[in-house]
Amino acid sequence: MDALLRWACRAQNAATPVVLVGPSGVGKTHLVRSALAVRQGLSMGQKPRLVSAANLMA
């Protein structure tokens, strides 16, 4: 879990949106704005993934 948290934080620092996706990969996505949000999402079974700004607008 800590490796995923570090990865997500690095992505945030690079100004790349990090989205938490539910365990099924379907449903609402959440734009992550803090490391705490990443940790909370991971504890609920969500997985972080990188998305591009274009995908967020789609």
PDB file of N, CA and C in Angstrom:
ATOM      1  N   MET A   1       0.828  -1.191   0.000  1.00  0.00           N
ATOM      2  CA  MET A   1       0.000   0.000   0.000  1.00  0.00           C
ATOM      3  C   MET A   1       0.868   1.247   0.000  1.00  0.00           C
ATOM      4  N   ASP A   2       1.942   1.261   0.759  1.00  0.00           N
ATOM      5  CA  ASP A   2       2.795   2.439   0.811  1.00  0.00           C
ATOM      6  C   ASP A   2       3.423   2.739  -0.540  1.00  0.00           C
ATOM      7  N   ALA A   3       3.742   1.696  -1.303  1.00  0.00           N
ATOM      8  CA  ALA A   3       4.311   1.920  -2.630  1.00  0.00           C
ATOM      9  C   ALA A   3       3.290   2.621  -3.527  1.00  0.00           C
ATOM     10  N   LEU A   4       2.032   2.210  -3.446  1.00  0.00           N
ATOM     11  CA  LEU A   4       0.987   2.862  -4.234  1.00  0.00           C
ATOM     12  C   LEU A   4       0.796   4.300  -3.786  1.00  0.00           C
ATOM     13  N   LEU A   5       0.880   4.526  -2.482  1.00  0.00           N
ATOM     14  CA  LEU A   5       0.733   5.878  -1.955  1.00  0.00           C
ATOM     15  C   LEU A   5       1.860   6.772  -2.456  1.00  0.00           C
ATOM     16  N   ARG A   6       3.089   6.264  -2.422  1.00  0.00           N
ATOM     17  CA  ARG A   6       4.232   7.052  -2.914  1.00  0.00           C
ATOM     18  C   ARG A   6       4.081   7.338  -4.400  1.00  0.00           C
ATOM     19  N   TRP A   7       3.633   6.333  -5.157  1.00  0.00           N
ATOM     20  CA  TRP A   7       3.436   6.505  -6.593  1.00  0.00           C
ATOM     21  C   TRP A   7       2.395   7.591  -6.859  1.00  0.00           C
ATOM     22  N   ALA A   8       1.306   7.543  -6.130  1.00  0.00           N
ATOM     23  CA  ALA A   8       0.241   8.521  -6.335  1.00  0.00           C
ATOM     24  C   ALA A   8       0.699   9.921  -5.942  1.00  0.00           C
ATOM     25  N   CYS A   9       1.477  10.016  -4.881  1.00  0.00           N
ATOM     26  CA  CYS A   9       1.984  11.325  -4.455  1.00  0.00           C
ATOM     27  C   CYS A   9       2.947  11.887  -5.491  1.00  0.00           C
ATOM     28  N   ARG A  10       3.792  11.036  -6.050  1.00  0.00           N
ATOM     29  CA  ARG A  10       4.710  11.497  -7.101  1.00  0.00           C
ATOM     30  C   ARG A  10       3.911  11.997  -8.294  1.00  0.00           C
ATOM     31  N   ALA A  11       2.851  11.293  -8.621  1.00  0.00           N
ATOM     32  CA  ALA A  11       2.018  11.712  -9.744  1.00  0.00           C
ATOM     33  C   ALA A  11       1.389  13.074  -9.454  1.00  0.00           C
ATOM     34  N   GLN A  12       0.944  13.265  -8.212  1.00  0.00           N
ATOM     35  CA  GLN A  12       0.366  14.551  -7.831  1.00  0.00           C
ATOM     36  C   GLN A  12       1.407  15.654  -7.947  1.00  0.00           C
ATOM     37  N   ASN A  13       2.607  15.383  -7.469  1.00  0.00           N
ATOM     38  CA  ASN A  13       3.665  16.384  -7.512  1.00  0.00           C
ATOM     39  C   ASN A  13       4.009  16.756  -8.941  1.00  0.00           C
ATOM     40  N   ALA A  14       3.769  15.844  -9.858  1.00  0.00           N
ATOM     41  CA  ALA A  14       4.034  16.103 -11.270  1.00  0.00           C
ATOM     42  C   ALA A  14       2.825  16.769 -11.934  1.00  0.00           C
ATOM     43  N   ALA A  15       1.855  17.181 -11.123  1.00  0.00           N
ATOM     44  CA  ALA A  15       0.647  17.847 -11.613  1.00  0.00           C
ATOM     45  C   ALA A  15      -0.161  16.944 -12.542  1.00  0.00           C
ATOM     46  N   THR A  16      -0.103  15.655 -12.304  1.00  0.00           N
ATOM     47  CA  THR A  16      -0.900  14.696 -13.067  1.00  0.00           C
ATOM     48  C   THR A  16      -2.079  14.264 -12.204  1.00  0.00           C
ATOM     49  N   PRO A  17      -3.296  14.343 -12.712  1.00  0.00           N
ATOM     50  CA  PRO A  17      -4.430  13.921 -11.894  1.00  0.00           C
ATOM     51  C   PRO A  17      -4.321  12.448 -11.498  1.00  0.00           C
ATOM     52  N   VAL A  18      -4.652  12.148 -10.266  1.00  0.00           N
ATOM     53  CA  VAL A  18      -4.729  10.770  -9.793  1.00  0.00           C
ATOM     54  C   VAL A  18      -6.184  10.515  -9.440  1.00  0.00           C
ATOM     55  N   VAL A  19      -6.730   9.458  -9.988  1.00  0.00           N
ATOM     56  CA  VAL A  19      -8.132   9.138  -9.753  1.00  0.00           C
ATOM     57  C   VAL A  19      -8.211   7.812  -9.019  1.00  0.00           C
ATOM     58  N   LEU A  20      -9.050   7.752  -7.989  1.00  0.00           N
ATOM     59  CA  LEU A  20      -9.298   6.495  -7.291  1.00  0.00           C
ATOM     60  C   LEU A  20     -10.505   5.828  -7.932  1.00  0.00           C
ATOM     61  N   VAL A  21     -10.336   4.570  -8.282  1.00  0.00           N
ATOM     62  CA  VAL A  21     -11.392   3.814  -8.958  1.00  0.00           C
ATOM     63  C   VAL A  21     -11.834   2.683  -8.044  1.00  0.00           C
ATOM     64  N   GLY A  22     -13.123   2.428  -7.978  1.00  0.00           N
ATOM     65  CA  GLY A  22     -13.650   1.364  -7.134  1.00  0.00           C
ATOM     66  C   GLY A  22     -13.102   0.006  -7.513  1.00  0.00           C
ATOM     67  N   PRO A  23     -13.266  -0.980  -6.621  1.00  0.00           N
ATOM     68  CA  PRO A  23     -12.705  -2.317  -6.844  1.00  0.00           C
ATOM     69  C   PRO A  23     -13.125  -2.936  -8.174  1.00  0.00           C
ATOM     70  N   SER A  24     -14.331  -2.641  -8.630  1.00  0.00           N
ATOM     71  CA  SER A  24     -14.806  -3.220  -9.890  1.00  0.00           C
ATOM     72  C   SER A  24     -14.273  -2.453 -11.093  1.00  0.00           C
ATOM     73  N   GLY A  25     -13.702  -1.285 -10.841  1.00  0.00           N
ATOM     74  CA  GLY A  25     -13.234  -0.455 -11.941  1.00  0.00           C
ATOM     75  C   GLY A  25     -14.357   0.323 -12.604  1.00  0.00           C
ATOM     76  N   VAL A  26     -15.552   0.204 -12.042  1.00  0.00           N
ATOM     77  CA  VAL A  26     -16.719   0.876 -12.600  1.00  0.00           C
ATOM     78  C   VAL A  26     -17.287   1.806 -11.542  1.00  0.00           C
ATOM     79  N   GLY A  27     -17.916   2.859 -11.971  1.00  0.00           N
ATOM     80  CA  GLY A  27     -18.551   3.759 -11.026  1.00  0.00           C
ATOM     81  C   GLY A  27     -17.828   5.085 -10.923  1.00  0.00           C
ATOM     82  N   LYS A  28     -18.155   5.815  -9.890  1.00  0.00           N
ATOM     83  CA  LYS A  28     -17.631   7.168  -9.733  1.00  0.00           C
ATOM     84  C   LYS A  28     -16.129   7.154  -9.501  1.00  0.00           C
ATOM     85  N   THR A  29     -15.451   8.091 -10.118  1.00  0.00           N
ATOM     86  CA  THR A  29     -14.025   8.271  -9.878  1.00  0.00           C
ATOM     87  C   THR A  29     -13.834   9.538  -9.060  1.00  0.00           C
ATOM     88  N   HIS A  30     -12.761   9.594  -8.323  1.00  0.00           N
ATOM     89  CA  HIS A  30     -12.505  10.715  -7.431  1.00  0.00           C
ATOM     90  C   HIS A  30     -11.141  11.302  -7.743  1.00  0.00           C
ATOM     91  N   LEU A  31     -11.100  12.585  -8.041  1.00  0.00           N
ATOM     92  CA  LEU A  31      -9.827  13.249  -8.243  1.00  0.00           C
ATOM     93  C   LEU A  31      -9.168  13.432  -6.882  1.00  0.00           C
ATOM     94  N   VAL A  32      -7.955  12.976  -6.767  1.00  0.00           N
ATOM     95  CA  VAL A  32      -7.255  12.993  -5.486  1.00  0.00           C
ATOM     96  C   VAL A  32      -6.488  14.296  -5.337  1.00  0.00           C
ATOM     97  N   ARG A  33      -6.652  14.929  -4.197  1.00  0.00           N
ATOM     98  CA  ARG A  33      -5.944  16.181  -3.953  1.00  0.00           C
ATOM     99  C   ARG A  33      -4.971  16.078  -2.785  1.00  0.00           C
ATOM    100  N   SER A  34      -4.953  14.964  -2.098  1.00  0.00           N
ATOM    101  CA  SER A  34      -4.028  14.840  -0.968  1.00  0.00           C
ATOM    102  C   SER A  34      -3.630  13.389  -0.769  1.00  0.00           C
ATOM    103  N   ALA A  35      -2.471  13.212  -0.146  1.00  0.00           N
ATOM    104  CA  ALA A  35      -2.006  11.861   0.147  1.00  0.00           C
ATOM    105  C   ALA A  35      -2.977  11.151   1.079  1.00  0.00           C
ATOM    106  N   LEU A  36      -3.589  11.893   2.000  1.00  0.00           N
ATOM    107  CA  LEU A  36      -4.547  11.288   2.929  1.00  0.00           C
ATOM    108  C   LEU A  36      -5.728  10.693   2.165  1.00  0.00           C
ATOM    109  N   ALA A  37      -6.189  11.402   1.142  1.00  0.00           N
ATOM    110  CA  ALA A  37      -7.305  10.888   0.344  1.00  0.00           C
ATOM    111  C   ALA A  37      -6.916   9.601  -0.369  1.00  0.00           C
ATOM    112  N   VAL A  38      -5.662   9.529  -0.817  1.00  0.00           N
ATOM    113  CA  VAL A  38      -5.191   8.302  -1.459  1.00  0.00           C
ATOM    114  C   VAL A  38      -5.229   7.161  -0.463  1.00  0.00           C
ATOM    115  N   ARG A  39      -4.700   7.382   0.738  1.00  0.00           N
ATOM    116  CA  ARG A  39      -4.660   6.324   1.753  1.00  0.00           C
ATOM    117  C   ARG A  39      -6.069   5.876   2.124  1.00  0.00           C
ATOM    118  N   GLN A  40      -6.982   6.825   2.293  1.00  0.00           N
ATOM    119  CA  GLN A  40      -8.361   6.478   2.641  1.00  0.00           C
ATOM    120  C   GLN A  40      -9.013   5.677   1.517  1.00  0.00           C
ATOM    121  N   GLY A  41      -8.765   6.079   0.283  1.00  0.00           N
ATOM    122  CA  GLY A  41      -9.343   5.356  -0.848  1.00  0.00           C
ATOM    123  C   GLY A  41      -8.807   3.951  -0.946  1.00  0.00           C
ATOM    124  N   LEU A  42      -7.499   3.787  -0.733  1.00  0.00           N
ATOM    125  CA  LEU A  42      -6.904   2.453  -0.792  1.00  0.00           C
ATOM    126  C   LEU A  42      -7.483   1.564   0.294  1.00  0.00           C
ATOM    127  N   SER A  43      -7.739   2.140   1.472  1.00  0.00           N
ATOM    128  CA  SER A  43      -8.282   1.332   2.565  1.00  0.00           C
ATOM    129  C   SER A  43      -9.710   0.884   2.264  1.00  0.00           C
ATOM    130  N   MET A  44     -10.384   1.579   1.338  1.00  0.00           N
ATOM    131  CA  MET A  44     -11.741   1.184   0.948  1.00  0.00           C
ATOM    132  C   MET A  44     -11.731   0.295  -0.290  1.00  0.00           C
ATOM    133  N   GLY A  45     -10.553  -0.175  -0.697  1.00  0.00           N
ATOM    134  CA  GLY A  45     -10.469  -1.099  -1.821  1.00  0.00           C
ATOM    135  C   GLY A  45     -10.370  -0.425  -3.174  1.00  0.00           C
ATOM    136  N   GLN A  46     -10.163   0.891  -3.189  1.00  0.00           N
ATOM    137  CA  GLN A  46     -10.022   1.586  -4.457  1.00  0.00           C
ATOM    138  C   GLN A  46      -8.573   1.524  -4.912  1.00  0.00           C
ATOM    139  N   LYS A  47      -8.363   1.739  -6.197  1.00  0.00           N
ATOM    140  CA  LYS A  47      -7.016   1.700  -6.758  1.00  0.00           C
ATOM    141  C   LYS A  47      -6.737   3.023  -7.463  1.00  0.00           C
ATOM    142  N   PRO A  48      -5.550   3.593  -7.232  1.00  0.00           N
ATOM    143  CA  PRO A  48      -5.240   4.827  -7.952  1.00  0.00           C
ATOM    144  C   PRO A  48      -4.829   4.530  -9.383  1.00  0.00           C
ATOM    145  N   ARG A  49      -5.153   5.425 -10.275  1.00  0.00           N
ATOM    146  CA  ARG A  49      -4.670   5.304 -11.644  1.00  0.00           C
ATOM    147  C   ARG A  49      -4.476   6.710 -12.191  1.00  0.00           C
ATOM    148  N   LEU A  50      -3.593   6.815 -13.153  1.00  0.00           N
ATOM    149  CA  LEU A  50      -3.337   8.111 -13.767  1.00  0.00           C
ATOM    150  C   LEU A  50      -4.318   8.337 -14.900  1.00  0.00           C
ATOM    151  N   VAL A  51      -4.776   9.576 -15.017  1.00  0.00           N
ATOM    152  CA  VAL A  51      -5.621   9.933 -16.144  1.00  0.00           C
ATOM    153  C   VAL A  51      -5.099  11.243 -16.724  1.00  0.00           C
ATOM    154  N   SER A  52      -5.385  11.457 -17.970  1.00  0.00           N
ATOM    155  CA  SER A  52      -4.978  12.716 -18.591  1.00  0.00           C
ATOM    156  C   SER A  52      -6.096  13.734 -18.419  1.00  0.00           C
ATOM    157  N   ALA A  53      -5.748  14.990 -18.548  1.00  0.00           N
ATOM    158  CA  ALA A  53      -6.753  16.045 -18.439  1.00  0.00           C
ATOM    159  C   ALA A  53      -7.835  15.855 -19.499  1.00  0.00           C
ATOM    160  N   ALA A  54      -7.447  15.389 -20.675  1.00  0.00           N
ATOM    161  CA  ALA A  54      -8.424  15.165 -21.746  1.00  0.00           C
ATOM    162  C   ALA A  54      -9.446  14.113 -21.335  1.00  0.00           C
ATOM    163  N   ASN A  55      -8.987  13.068 -20.647  1.00  0.00           N
ATOM    164  CA  ASN A  55      -9.913  12.025 -20.207  1.00  0.00           C
ATOM    165  C   ASN A  55     -10.868  12.552 -19.144  1.00  0.00           C
ATOM    166  N   LEU A  56     -10.387  13.460 -18.291  1.00  0.00           N
ATOM    167  CA  LEU A  56     -11.259  14.021 -17.264  1.00  0.00           C
ATOM    168  C   LEU A  56     -12.359  14.868 -17.894  1.00  0.00           C
ATOM    169  N   MET A  57     -12.051  15.525 -19.002  1.00  0.00           N
ATOM    170  CA  MET A  57     -13.027  16.385 -19.651  1.00  0.00           C
ATOM    171  C   MET A  57     -14.027  15.576 -20.476  1.00  0.00           C
ATOM    172  N   ALA A  58     -13.666  14.369 -20.843  1.00  0.00           N
ATOM    173  CA  ALA A  58     -14.523  13.552 -21.720  1.00  0.00           C
ATOM    174  C   ALA A  58     -15.779  13.100 -20.998  1.00  0.00           C
TER     175      ALA A  58
END
